[in-house]
Amino acid sequence: MSDLLLDVPWWMIAGLAGLGAFVFVSGNRRQETKVRNAGVAIVAMAIAWAVLSYYVDTPVEMTSRRSREFVKSVVDKNWPVTTSILDPAASLSVLDSGNAVYTTRDQILDGAKQAVDRYGLKSATIFSLGARRDDSLITVDLDIISDQDATMGRQINTSWQFEWQQTGDDWRLLRITCLKIGNEQGNAARQQFPQAR
């Protein structure tokens, strides 16, 4: 229910404001003070709803924003931010490749540092992001285009799935699943990850 209140489609707010304007004009034409005031109240409610929706993030909006921050922190080698986003029990796996590649936050950080240096990661642009919520778990699907020295300027498409879990008032990245790297999936994609030290 709170998601509907805070993540409201623009057309609902516009419709409510339009209804308020119609009630106001109708009451004003007939010189009915109560109807005119009701119209003003409806427009004011639409404006308040829009402001509330704009300034307060829902959990889905928050985890989507934090997913973008995570990707940016890896590209920028801002490891304190990366660490703060990851849950201590975080893991990273590759879809259809068996066990997890990294089973702790420290292993993920070490693998990310090695990969950024090994491949010469220059940039990563999220071109598709979708999120869905199931109780206390939010799954964010990302498609990313990355540019790195290892491919001599040729960009690589990658697909990922981030699972966020609520811990107290905060949301932490608990599971990262690599769906594909370029055209490689499963064990072929798994080979792209440096060994955990």
N, C-alpha and C. Protein backbone atom coordinates (compact mmCIF):
# COMPACT_ATOMS: atom_id res chain seq x y z
N MET A 1 0.82 -1.19 0.00
CA MET A 1 0.00 0.00 0.00
C MET A 1 0.87 1.26 0.00
N SER A 2 1.96 1.24 0.83
CA SER A 2 2.82 2.42 0.88
C SER A 2 3.53 2.64 -0.45
N ASP A 3 3.82 1.55 -1.20
CA ASP A 3 4.44 1.70 -2.52
C ASP A 3 3.53 2.48 -3.46
N LEU A 4 2.22 2.22 -3.40
CA LEU A 4 1.29 2.95 -4.26
C LEU A 4 1.23 4.42 -3.87
N LEU A 5 1.31 4.70 -2.59
CA LEU A 5 1.26 6.09 -2.15
C LEU A 5 2.52 6.85 -2.52
N LEU A 6 3.68 6.17 -2.49
CA LEU A 6 4.94 6.86 -2.70
C LEU A 6 5.51 6.71 -4.11
N ASP A 7 5.09 5.69 -4.82
CA ASP A 7 5.58 5.46 -6.18
C ASP A 7 4.39 5.52 -7.13
N VAL A 8 3.73 6.65 -7.13
CA VAL A 8 2.48 6.82 -7.86
C VAL A 8 2.76 7.21 -9.31
N PRO A 9 2.02 6.63 -10.26
CA PRO A 9 2.19 7.05 -11.66
C PRO A 9 1.77 8.51 -11.84
N TRP A 10 2.44 9.21 -12.73
CA TRP A 10 2.16 10.64 -12.94
C TRP A 10 0.74 10.89 -13.38
N TRP A 11 0.16 9.94 -14.14
CA TRP A 11 -1.18 10.16 -14.66
C TRP A 11 -2.24 10.17 -13.54
N MET A 12 -1.96 9.46 -12.43
CA MET A 12 -2.92 9.48 -11.32
C MET A 12 -2.94 10.86 -10.65
N ILE A 13 -1.75 11.42 -10.46
CA ILE A 13 -1.67 12.75 -9.85
C ILE A 13 -2.28 13.80 -10.79
N ALA A 14 -1.96 13.69 -12.07
CA ALA A 14 -2.52 14.63 -13.05
C ALA A 14 -4.05 14.50 -13.11
N GLY A 15 -4.54 13.28 -13.04
CA GLY A 15 -5.99 13.06 -13.05
C GLY A 15 -6.66 13.65 -11.83
N LEU A 16 -6.03 13.48 -10.66
CA LEU A 16 -6.59 14.05 -9.44
C LEU A 16 -6.58 15.57 -9.49
N ALA A 17 -5.49 16.15 -9.98
CA ALA A 17 -5.41 17.61 -10.12
C ALA A 17 -6.44 18.11 -11.12
N GLY A 18 -6.64 17.38 -12.22
CA GLY A 18 -7.65 17.75 -13.21
C GLY A 18 -9.06 17.71 -12.63
N LEU A 19 -9.33 16.67 -11.83
CA LEU A 19 -10.63 16.56 -11.16
C LEU A 19 -10.84 17.75 -10.22
N GLY A 20 -9.80 18.09 -9.47
CA GLY A 20 -9.89 19.24 -8.55
C GLY A 20 -10.16 20.53 -9.30
N ALA A 21 -9.47 20.70 -10.43
CA ALA A 21 -9.67 21.92 -11.23
C ALA A 21 -11.10 21.97 -11.77
N PHE A 22 -11.62 20.81 -12.22
CA PHE A 22 -12.99 20.75 -12.72
C PHE A 22 -13.99 21.10 -11.62
N VAL A 23 -13.80 20.54 -10.43
CA VAL A 23 -14.70 20.83 -9.30
C VAL A 23 -14.61 22.31 -8.93
N PHE A 24 -13.40 22.86 -8.93
CA PHE A 24 -13.23 24.28 -8.60
C PHE A 24 -13.98 25.17 -9.61
N VAL A 25 -13.76 24.94 -10.90
CA VAL A 25 -14.41 25.75 -11.94
C VAL A 25 -15.93 25.61 -11.86
N SER A 26 -16.38 24.38 -11.67
CA SER A 26 -17.81 24.14 -11.57
C SER A 26 -18.43 24.88 -10.38
N GLY A 27 -17.77 24.80 -9.23
CA GLY A 27 -18.26 25.50 -8.05
C GLY A 27 -18.18 27.01 -8.19
N ASN A 28 -17.16 27.47 -8.86
CA ASN A 28 -16.98 28.92 -9.06
C ASN A 28 -18.06 29.48 -9.99
N ARG A 29 -18.40 28.73 -11.05
CA ARG A 29 -19.43 29.18 -11.99
C ARG A 29 -20.79 29.30 -11.30
N ARG A 30 -21.06 28.34 -10.43
CA ARG A 30 -22.36 28.34 -9.75
C ARG A 30 -22.33 29.13 -8.44
N GLN A 31 -21.15 29.69 -8.16
CA GLN A 31 -20.95 30.48 -6.94
C GLN A 31 -21.28 29.67 -5.68
N GLU A 32 -20.84 28.40 -5.69
CA GLU A 32 -21.02 27.52 -4.52
C GLU A 32 -19.66 27.41 -3.82
N THR A 33 -19.56 28.06 -2.69
CA THR A 33 -18.30 28.16 -1.96
C THR A 33 -17.77 26.80 -1.55
N LYS A 34 -18.64 25.92 -1.05
CA LYS A 34 -18.20 24.60 -0.58
C LYS A 34 -17.63 23.76 -1.72
N VAL A 35 -18.28 23.80 -2.87
CA VAL A 35 -17.80 23.03 -4.02
C VAL A 35 -16.47 23.60 -4.51
N ARG A 36 -16.39 24.93 -4.60
CA ARG A 36 -15.15 25.58 -5.02
C ARG A 36 -14.00 25.25 -4.07
N ASN A 37 -14.26 25.30 -2.77
CA ASN A 37 -13.23 24.97 -1.78
C ASN A 37 -12.83 23.50 -1.84
N ALA A 38 -13.78 22.64 -2.14
CA ALA A 38 -13.46 21.21 -2.31
C ALA A 38 -12.51 21.01 -3.49
N GLY A 39 -12.74 21.77 -4.57
CA GLY A 39 -11.84 21.71 -5.73
C GLY A 39 -10.43 22.13 -5.38
N VAL A 40 -10.32 23.23 -4.61
CA VAL A 40 -9.00 23.70 -4.17
C VAL A 40 -8.33 22.64 -3.30
N ALA A 41 -9.11 22.00 -2.42
CA ALA A 41 -8.56 20.97 -1.53
C ALA A 41 -8.06 19.76 -2.33
N ILE A 42 -8.79 19.39 -3.37
CA ILE A 42 -8.37 18.24 -4.20
C ILE A 42 -7.08 18.57 -4.94
N VAL A 43 -6.97 19.77 -5.49
CA VAL A 43 -5.74 20.19 -6.19
C VAL A 43 -4.58 20.22 -5.19
N ALA A 44 -4.82 20.76 -3.99
CA ALA A 44 -3.77 20.80 -2.96
C ALA A 44 -3.33 19.39 -2.57
N MET A 45 -4.30 18.47 -2.49
CA MET A 45 -3.97 17.07 -2.16
C MET A 45 -3.11 16.45 -3.27
N ALA A 46 -3.42 16.74 -4.53
CA ALA A 46 -2.63 16.21 -5.65
C ALA A 46 -1.21 16.74 -5.61
N ILE A 47 -1.06 18.03 -5.29
CA ILE A 47 0.28 18.63 -5.20
C ILE A 47 1.06 18.02 -4.05
N ALA A 48 0.42 17.85 -2.90
CA ALA A 48 1.08 17.24 -1.74
C ALA A 48 1.50 15.80 -2.05
N TRP A 49 0.65 15.06 -2.75
CA TRP A 49 0.94 13.68 -3.12
C TRP A 49 2.15 13.63 -4.06
N ALA A 50 2.19 14.55 -5.02
CA ALA A 50 3.32 14.60 -5.96
C ALA A 50 4.62 14.91 -5.22
N VAL A 51 4.59 15.86 -4.30
CA VAL A 51 5.79 16.24 -3.55
C VAL A 51 6.25 15.07 -2.68
N LEU A 52 5.31 14.42 -2.00
CA LEU A 52 5.65 13.26 -1.16
C LEU A 52 6.26 12.14 -2.00
N SER A 53 5.64 11.86 -3.14
CA SER A 53 6.14 10.81 -4.03
C SER A 53 7.54 11.12 -4.55
N TYR A 54 7.80 12.40 -4.80
CA TYR A 54 9.10 12.81 -5.35
C TYR A 54 10.21 12.71 -4.31
N TYR A 55 9.93 13.11 -3.08
CA TYR A 55 10.98 13.21 -2.07
C TYR A 55 11.17 11.97 -1.20
N VAL A 56 10.23 11.05 -1.19
CA VAL A 56 10.36 9.85 -0.35
C VAL A 56 10.55 8.64 -1.26
N ASP A 57 11.65 7.92 -1.07
CA ASP A 57 11.94 6.73 -1.87
C ASP A 57 11.24 5.51 -1.29
N THR A 58 10.64 4.71 -2.17
CA THR A 58 10.13 3.40 -1.77
C THR A 58 11.32 2.45 -1.71
N PRO A 59 11.17 1.28 -1.08
CA PRO A 59 12.27 0.32 -1.07
C PRO A 59 12.74 -0.07 -2.47
N VAL A 60 11.82 -0.20 -3.42
CA VAL A 60 12.20 -0.54 -4.79
C VAL A 60 13.03 0.58 -5.41
N GLU A 61 12.62 1.84 -5.20
CA GLU A 61 13.40 2.97 -5.71
C GLU A 61 14.76 3.05 -5.03
N MET A 62 14.78 2.78 -3.73
CA MET A 62 16.04 2.85 -2.98
C MET A 62 17.04 1.79 -3.47
N THR A 63 16.56 0.54 -3.65
CA THR A 63 17.48 -0.52 -4.10
C THR A 63 17.89 -0.31 -5.56
N SER A 64 17.03 0.28 -6.36
CA SER A 64 17.42 0.59 -7.74
C SER A 64 18.53 1.64 -7.75
N ARG A 65 18.36 2.67 -6.92
CA ARG A 65 19.39 3.72 -6.82
C ARG A 65 20.69 3.13 -6.27
N ARG A 66 20.59 2.28 -5.24
CA ARG A 66 21.79 1.68 -4.64
C ARG A 66 22.47 0.72 -5.62
N SER A 67 21.71 0.08 -6.50
CA SER A 67 22.31 -0.78 -7.53
C SER A 67 23.17 0.05 -8.47
N ARG A 68 22.67 1.23 -8.83
CA ARG A 68 23.45 2.14 -9.69
C ARG A 68 24.72 2.61 -8.95
N GLU A 69 24.57 2.92 -7.66
CA GLU A 69 25.72 3.34 -6.85
C GLU A 69 26.76 2.22 -6.76
N PHE A 70 26.30 0.98 -6.64
CA PHE A 70 27.22 -0.15 -6.55
C PHE A 70 28.05 -0.26 -7.82
N VAL A 71 27.39 -0.23 -8.97
CA VAL A 71 28.11 -0.33 -10.25
C VAL A 71 29.10 0.81 -10.39
N LYS A 72 28.67 2.02 -10.07
CA LYS A 72 29.56 3.19 -10.16
C LYS A 72 30.74 3.07 -9.21
N SER A 73 30.52 2.54 -8.00
CA SER A 73 31.61 2.42 -7.03
C SER A 73 32.67 1.43 -7.49
N VAL A 74 32.26 0.39 -8.20
CA VAL A 74 33.24 -0.58 -8.72
C VAL A 74 34.06 0.07 -9.84
N VAL A 75 33.39 0.77 -10.76
CA VAL A 75 34.11 1.43 -11.85
C VAL A 75 35.08 2.48 -11.32
N ASP A 76 34.63 3.24 -10.31
CA ASP A 76 35.45 4.31 -9.73
C ASP A 76 36.48 3.81 -8.72
N LYS A 77 36.47 2.52 -8.46
CA LYS A 77 37.34 1.90 -7.45
C LYS A 77 37.13 2.56 -6.07
N ASN A 78 35.90 2.88 -5.79
CA ASN A 78 35.54 3.49 -4.51
C ASN A 78 35.13 2.34 -3.57
N TRP A 79 36.13 1.62 -3.08
CA TRP A 79 35.89 0.39 -2.32
C TRP A 79 35.17 0.60 -0.99
N PRO A 80 35.34 1.73 -0.30
CA PRO A 80 34.53 1.94 0.91
C PRO A 80 33.02 1.97 0.62
N VAL A 81 32.62 2.58 -0.51
CA VAL A 81 31.20 2.60 -0.87
C VAL A 81 30.74 1.20 -1.24
N THR A 82 31.55 0.49 -2.02
CA THR A 82 31.21 -0.88 -2.39
C THR A 82 31.01 -1.73 -1.14
N THR A 83 31.91 -1.59 -0.18
CA THR A 83 31.82 -2.35 1.07
C THR A 83 30.55 -2.01 1.83
N SER A 84 30.20 -0.74 1.89
CA SER A 84 29.02 -0.33 2.66
C SER A 84 27.72 -0.84 2.04
N ILE A 85 27.71 -1.09 0.75
CA ILE A 85 26.50 -1.57 0.07
C ILE A 85 26.34 -3.08 0.24
N LEU A 86 27.45 -3.81 0.27
CA LEU A 86 27.40 -5.26 0.36
C LEU A 86 27.11 -5.74 1.78
N ASP A 87 26.27 -6.75 1.90
CA ASP A 87 26.04 -7.41 3.17
C ASP A 87 27.29 -8.23 3.51
N PRO A 88 27.66 -8.36 4.79
CA PRO A 88 28.84 -9.18 5.14
C PRO A 88 28.74 -10.62 4.64
N ALA A 89 27.52 -11.14 4.52
CA ALA A 89 27.33 -12.53 4.06
C ALA A 89 27.02 -12.59 2.57
N ALA A 90 27.36 -11.54 1.83
CA ALA A 90 27.06 -11.48 0.40
C ALA A 90 27.79 -12.58 -0.36
N SER A 91 27.18 -12.99 -1.47
CA SER A 91 27.82 -14.00 -2.32
C SER A 91 27.64 -13.60 -3.78
N LEU A 92 28.51 -14.13 -4.63
CA LEU A 92 28.42 -13.90 -6.07
C LEU A 92 28.49 -15.24 -6.76
N SER A 93 27.55 -15.47 -7.66
CA SER A 93 27.54 -16.72 -8.42
C SER A 93 27.26 -16.43 -9.89
N VAL A 94 27.48 -17.43 -10.71
CA VAL A 94 27.18 -17.34 -12.14
C VAL A 94 26.06 -18.33 -12.41
N LEU A 95 25.02 -17.88 -13.09
CA LEU A 95 23.87 -18.71 -13.38
C LEU A 95 24.30 -19.99 -14.11
N ASP A 96 23.79 -21.12 -13.66
CA ASP A 96 24.05 -22.43 -14.27
C ASP A 96 25.52 -22.85 -14.26
N SER A 97 26.25 -22.47 -13.20
CA SER A 97 27.66 -22.88 -13.16
C SER A 97 28.03 -23.58 -11.85
N GLY A 98 27.04 -23.99 -11.08
CA GLY A 98 27.36 -24.71 -9.84
C GLY A 98 27.45 -23.78 -8.64
N ASN A 99 28.45 -24.02 -7.81
CA ASN A 99 28.62 -23.28 -6.56
C ASN A 99 28.95 -21.81 -6.80
N ALA A 100 28.84 -21.03 -5.71
CA ALA A 100 29.15 -19.60 -5.78
C ALA A 100 30.62 -19.38 -6.11
N VAL A 101 30.90 -18.34 -6.86
CA VAL A 101 32.28 -17.96 -7.18
C VAL A 101 32.93 -17.35 -5.95
N TYR A 102 32.20 -16.44 -5.29
CA TYR A 102 32.66 -15.80 -4.06
C TYR A 102 31.58 -15.97 -3.00
N THR A 103 31.98 -16.32 -1.79
CA THR A 103 31.00 -16.63 -0.75
C THR A 103 30.97 -15.60 0.39
N THR A 104 31.83 -14.58 0.33
CA THR A 104 31.83 -13.54 1.37
C THR A 104 32.00 -12.17 0.72
N ARG A 105 31.70 -11.15 1.47
CA ARG A 105 31.90 -9.78 1.00
C ARG A 105 33.37 -9.54 0.67
N ASP A 106 34.27 -10.01 1.53
CA ASP A 106 35.70 -9.79 1.29
C ASP A 106 36.17 -10.45 0.00
N GLN A 107 35.66 -11.64 -0.30
CA GLN A 107 36.03 -12.30 -1.56
C GLN A 107 35.49 -11.54 -2.77
N ILE A 108 34.27 -11.02 -2.64
CA ILE A 108 33.70 -10.22 -3.74
C ILE A 108 34.55 -8.98 -3.98
N LEU A 109 34.92 -8.29 -2.90
CA LEU A 109 35.75 -7.09 -3.03
C LEU A 109 37.10 -7.42 -3.66
N ASP A 110 37.73 -8.50 -3.21
CA ASP A 110 39.03 -8.89 -3.75
C ASP A 110 38.90 -9.25 -5.23
N GLY A 111 37.85 -10.00 -5.58
CA GLY A 111 37.63 -10.36 -6.98
C GLY A 111 37.35 -9.14 -7.85
N ALA A 112 36.59 -8.19 -7.32
CA ALA A 112 36.29 -6.96 -8.08
C ALA A 112 37.56 -6.16 -8.31
N LYS A 113 38.39 -6.04 -7.28
CA LYS A 113 39.65 -5.29 -7.43
C LYS A 113 40.55 -5.94 -8.48
N GLN A 114 40.67 -7.27 -8.42
CA GLN A 114 41.49 -7.99 -9.40
C GLN A 114 40.93 -7.81 -10.82
N ALA A 115 39.61 -7.94 -10.97
CA ALA A 115 38.99 -7.86 -12.30
C ALA A 115 39.12 -6.47 -12.90
N VAL A 116 38.91 -5.43 -12.08
CA VAL A 116 39.03 -4.05 -12.57
C VAL A 116 40.44 -3.80 -13.08
N ASP A 117 41.44 -4.29 -12.35
CA ASP A 117 42.83 -4.11 -12.77
C ASP A 117 43.18 -5.00 -13.97
N ARG A 118 42.75 -6.26 -13.93
CA ARG A 118 43.09 -7.21 -14.99
C ARG A 118 42.51 -6.78 -16.33
N TYR A 119 41.24 -6.38 -16.34
CA TYR A 119 40.58 -6.04 -17.59
C TYR A 119 40.66 -4.56 -17.94
N GLY A 120 41.14 -3.74 -17.03
CA GLY A 120 41.25 -2.30 -17.29
C GLY A 120 39.89 -1.66 -17.49
N LEU A 121 38.97 -1.92 -16.57
CA LEU A 121 37.61 -1.41 -16.68
C LEU A 121 37.62 0.12 -16.69
N LYS A 122 37.03 0.70 -17.73
CA LYS A 122 36.98 2.16 -17.86
C LYS A 122 35.61 2.72 -17.50
N SER A 123 34.56 2.04 -17.94
CA SER A 123 33.21 2.54 -17.68
C SER A 123 32.22 1.39 -17.71
N ALA A 124 31.08 1.63 -17.08
CA ALA A 124 29.97 0.67 -17.10
C ALA A 124 28.69 1.49 -17.09
N THR A 125 27.88 1.30 -18.11
CA THR A 125 26.64 2.06 -18.26
C THR A 125 25.45 1.11 -18.16
N ILE A 126 24.55 1.40 -17.23
CA ILE A 126 23.34 0.59 -17.09
C ILE A 126 22.34 1.08 -18.13
N PHE A 127 21.96 0.17 -19.06
CA PHE A 127 20.99 0.58 -20.07
C PHE A 127 19.63 -0.04 -19.84
N SER A 128 19.53 -0.94 -18.86
CA SER A 128 18.22 -1.51 -18.52
C SER A 128 18.25 -1.89 -17.05
N LEU A 129 17.20 -1.49 -16.32
CA LEU A 129 17.11 -1.82 -14.91
C LEU A 129 15.64 -2.04 -14.56
N GLY A 130 15.37 -3.18 -13.97
CA GLY A 130 14.01 -3.50 -13.53
C GLY A 130 14.06 -4.11 -12.15
N ALA A 131 13.08 -3.78 -11.32
CA ALA A 131 13.08 -4.27 -9.94
C ALA A 131 11.71 -4.81 -9.58
N ARG A 132 11.70 -5.84 -8.73
CA ARG A 132 10.46 -6.40 -8.22
C ARG A 132 10.65 -6.78 -6.75
N ARG A 133 9.58 -6.69 -5.99
CA ARG A 133 9.66 -6.96 -4.55
C ARG A 133 8.85 -8.19 -4.19
N ASP A 134 9.46 -9.05 -3.38
CA ASP A 134 8.79 -10.20 -2.80
C ASP A 134 9.06 -10.17 -1.30
N ASP A 135 8.09 -9.66 -0.53
CA ASP A 135 8.21 -9.52 0.93
C ASP A 135 9.45 -8.72 1.30
N SER A 136 10.42 -9.38 1.96
CA SER A 136 11.61 -8.67 2.44
C SER A 136 12.79 -8.78 1.47
N LEU A 137 12.53 -9.24 0.26
CA LEU A 137 13.58 -9.40 -0.75
C LEU A 137 13.21 -8.60 -1.99
N ILE A 138 14.16 -7.82 -2.50
CA ILE A 138 13.95 -7.08 -3.75
C ILE A 138 15.00 -7.54 -4.75
N THR A 139 14.54 -7.92 -5.93
CA THR A 139 15.44 -8.37 -6.98
C THR A 139 15.53 -7.29 -8.06
N VAL A 140 16.75 -6.90 -8.37
CA VAL A 140 16.99 -5.89 -9.40
C VAL A 140 17.74 -6.56 -10.55
N ASP A 141 17.18 -6.48 -11.75
CA ASP A 141 17.81 -7.02 -12.96
C ASP A 141 18.46 -5.88 -13.70
N LEU A 142 19.74 -6.07 -14.07
CA LEU A 142 20.49 -5.02 -14.75
C LEU A 142 21.13 -5.56 -16.02
N ASP A 143 21.07 -4.75 -17.07
CA ASP A 143 21.86 -5.00 -18.28
C ASP A 143 22.83 -3.84 -18.37
N ILE A 144 24.12 -4.19 -18.51
CA ILE A 144 25.19 -3.20 -18.44
C ILE A 144 26.07 -3.32 -19.68
N ILE A 145 26.48 -2.17 -20.21
CA ILE A 145 27.49 -2.13 -21.27
C ILE A 145 28.76 -1.61 -20.63
N SER A 146 29.85 -2.37 -20.77
CA SER A 146 31.11 -1.94 -20.16
C SER A 146 32.18 -1.75 -21.23
N ASP A 147 33.11 -0.87 -20.90
CA ASP A 147 34.23 -0.57 -21.78
C ASP A 147 35.50 -0.84 -20.99
N GLN A 148 36.40 -1.64 -21.55
CA GLN A 148 37.62 -2.01 -20.84
C GLN A 148 38.79 -2.13 -21.81
N ASP A 149 40.00 -1.97 -21.28
CA ASP A 149 41.21 -2.06 -22.10
C ASP A 149 41.37 -3.44 -22.73
N ALA A 150 40.98 -4.50 -22.02
CA ALA A 150 41.21 -5.87 -22.48
C ALA A 150 40.53 -6.17 -23.80
N THR A 151 39.44 -5.46 -24.12
CA THR A 151 38.75 -5.73 -25.38
C THR A 151 39.07 -4.68 -26.44
N MET A 152 40.10 -3.86 -26.18
CA MET A 152 40.59 -2.87 -27.12
C MET A 152 39.48 -1.97 -27.66
N GLY A 153 38.69 -1.44 -26.75
CA GLY A 153 37.65 -0.48 -27.12
C GLY A 153 36.31 -1.09 -27.49
N ARG A 154 36.26 -2.42 -27.64
CA ARG A 154 34.99 -3.06 -27.98
C ARG A 154 34.17 -3.22 -26.70
N GLN A 155 32.94 -2.72 -26.72
CA GLN A 155 32.10 -2.80 -25.54
C GLN A 155 31.51 -4.19 -25.36
N ILE A 156 31.30 -4.55 -24.10
CA ILE A 156 30.75 -5.86 -23.75
C ILE A 156 29.42 -5.66 -23.04
N ASN A 157 28.42 -6.44 -23.43
CA ASN A 157 27.14 -6.45 -22.73
C ASN A 157 27.18 -7.51 -21.63
N THR A 158 26.74 -7.14 -20.44
CA THR A 158 26.64 -8.10 -19.35
C THR A 158 25.25 -7.99 -18.72
N SER A 159 24.78 -9.08 -18.14
CA SER A 159 23.48 -9.09 -17.46
C SER A 159 23.68 -9.63 -16.05
N TRP A 160 23.03 -8.98 -15.09
CA TRP A 160 23.20 -9.29 -13.68
C TRP A 160 21.86 -9.30 -12.96
N GLN A 161 21.85 -9.97 -11.83
CA GLN A 161 20.69 -9.95 -10.95
C GLN A 161 21.20 -9.69 -9.53
N PHE A 162 20.71 -8.61 -8.92
CA PHE A 162 21.08 -8.25 -7.55
C PHE A 162 19.89 -8.55 -6.64
N GLU A 163 20.15 -9.25 -5.54
CA GLU A 163 19.10 -9.52 -4.56
C GLU A 163 19.42 -8.73 -3.30
N TRP A 164 18.48 -7.89 -2.92
CA TRP A 164 18.63 -7.01 -1.76
C TRP A 164 17.75 -7.52 -0.63
N GLN A 165 18.30 -7.49 0.58
CA GLN A 165 17.54 -7.89 1.75
C GLN A 165 17.55 -6.77 2.78
N GLN A 166 16.41 -6.60 3.42
CA GLN A 166 16.30 -5.54 4.42
C GLN A 166 16.92 -6.00 5.73
N THR A 167 17.80 -5.15 6.26
CA THR A 167 18.39 -5.37 7.58
C THR A 167 18.14 -4.12 8.40
N GLY A 168 17.17 -4.19 9.29
CA GLY A 168 16.76 -3.01 10.04
C GLY A 168 16.08 -2.03 9.11
N ASP A 169 16.57 -0.80 9.07
CA ASP A 169 16.01 0.22 8.18
C ASP A 169 16.75 0.30 6.86
N ASP A 170 17.82 -0.47 6.72
CA ASP A 170 18.68 -0.39 5.54
C ASP A 170 18.45 -1.60 4.64
N TRP A 171 18.80 -1.44 3.38
CA TRP A 171 18.77 -2.54 2.41
C TRP A 171 20.21 -2.84 2.02
N ARG A 172 20.59 -4.12 2.10
CA ARG A 172 21.96 -4.55 1.77
C ARG A 172 21.92 -5.53 0.60
N LEU A 173 22.94 -5.44 -0.24
CA LEU A 173 23.08 -6.34 -1.37
C LEU A 173 23.55 -7.69 -0.86
N LEU A 174 22.70 -8.70 -0.97
CA LEU A 174 22.98 -10.02 -0.40
C LEU A 174 23.52 -11.01 -1.42
N ARG A 175 22.91 -11.04 -2.60
CA ARG A 175 23.34 -12.00 -3.62
C ARG A 175 23.48 -11.31 -4.97
N ILE A 176 24.59 -11.59 -5.63
CA ILE A 176 24.84 -11.11 -6.99
C ILE A 176 24.92 -12.34 -7.88
N THR A 177 24.13 -12.33 -8.95
CA THR A 177 24.18 -13.43 -9.91
C THR A 177 24.51 -12.87 -11.28
N CYS A 178 25.59 -13.36 -11.86
CA CYS A 178 25.96 -12.98 -13.22
C CYS A 178 25.16 -13.88 -14.17
N LEU A 179 24.36 -13.29 -15.02
CA LEU A 179 23.55 -14.06 -15.96
C LEU A 179 24.31 -14.34 -17.25
N LYS A 180 25.08 -13.34 -17.71
CA LYS A 180 25.91 -13.55 -18.90
C LYS A 180 26.94 -12.44 -19.03
N ILE A 181 28.03 -12.77 -19.69
CA ILE A 181 29.07 -11.81 -20.03
C ILE A 181 29.30 -11.94 -21.53
N GLY A 182 28.92 -10.92 -22.28
CA GLY A 182 28.97 -11.02 -23.74
C GLY A 182 28.02 -12.12 -24.18
N ASN A 183 28.54 -13.09 -24.91
CA ASN A 183 27.74 -14.24 -25.33
C ASN A 183 28.00 -15.46 -24.44
N GLU A 184 28.79 -15.29 -23.39
CA GLU A 184 29.16 -16.42 -22.55
C GLU A 184 28.24 -16.52 -21.34
N GLN A 185 27.84 -17.75 -21.05
CA GLN A 185 27.01 -18.05 -19.89
C GLN A 185 27.59 -19.24 -19.16
N GLY A 186 27.05 -19.55 -17.99
CA GLY A 186 27.45 -20.73 -17.24
C GLY A 186 28.94 -20.75 -16.94
N ASN A 187 29.56 -21.92 -17.14
CA ASN A 187 30.98 -22.10 -16.81
C ASN A 187 31.90 -21.21 -17.65
N ALA A 188 31.51 -20.92 -18.89
CA ALA A 188 32.33 -20.04 -19.73
C ALA A 188 32.39 -18.64 -19.13
N ALA A 189 31.27 -18.14 -18.62
CA ALA A 189 31.25 -16.83 -17.97
C ALA A 189 31.98 -16.89 -16.64
N ARG A 190 31.88 -18.02 -15.95
CA ARG A 190 32.54 -18.17 -14.65
C ARG A 190 34.06 -18.02 -14.78
N GLN A 191 34.62 -18.43 -15.90
CA GLN A 191 36.07 -18.35 -16.12
C GLN A 191 36.58 -16.91 -16.14
N GLN A 192 35.68 -15.94 -16.34
CA GLN A 192 36.08 -14.53 -16.39
C GLN A 192 36.36 -13.93 -15.02
N PHE A 193 35.95 -14.62 -13.96
CA PHE A 193 36.12 -14.10 -12.60
C PHE A 193 37.45 -14.57 -12.03
N PRO A 194 38.23 -13.65 -11.47
CA PRO A 194 39.50 -14.04 -10.85
C PRO A 194 39.27 -14.98 -9.66
N GLN A 195 40.24 -15.82 -9.39
CA GLN A 195 40.15 -16.73 -8.24
C GLN A 195 40.14 -15.95 -6.96
N ALA A 196 39.29 -16.37 -6.01
CA ALA A 196 39.29 -15.74 -4.68
C ALA A 196 40.57 -16.08 -3.96
N ARG A 197 41.12 -15.07 -3.27
CA ARG A 197 42.37 -15.31 -2.53
C ARG A 197 42.08 -15.51 -1.07
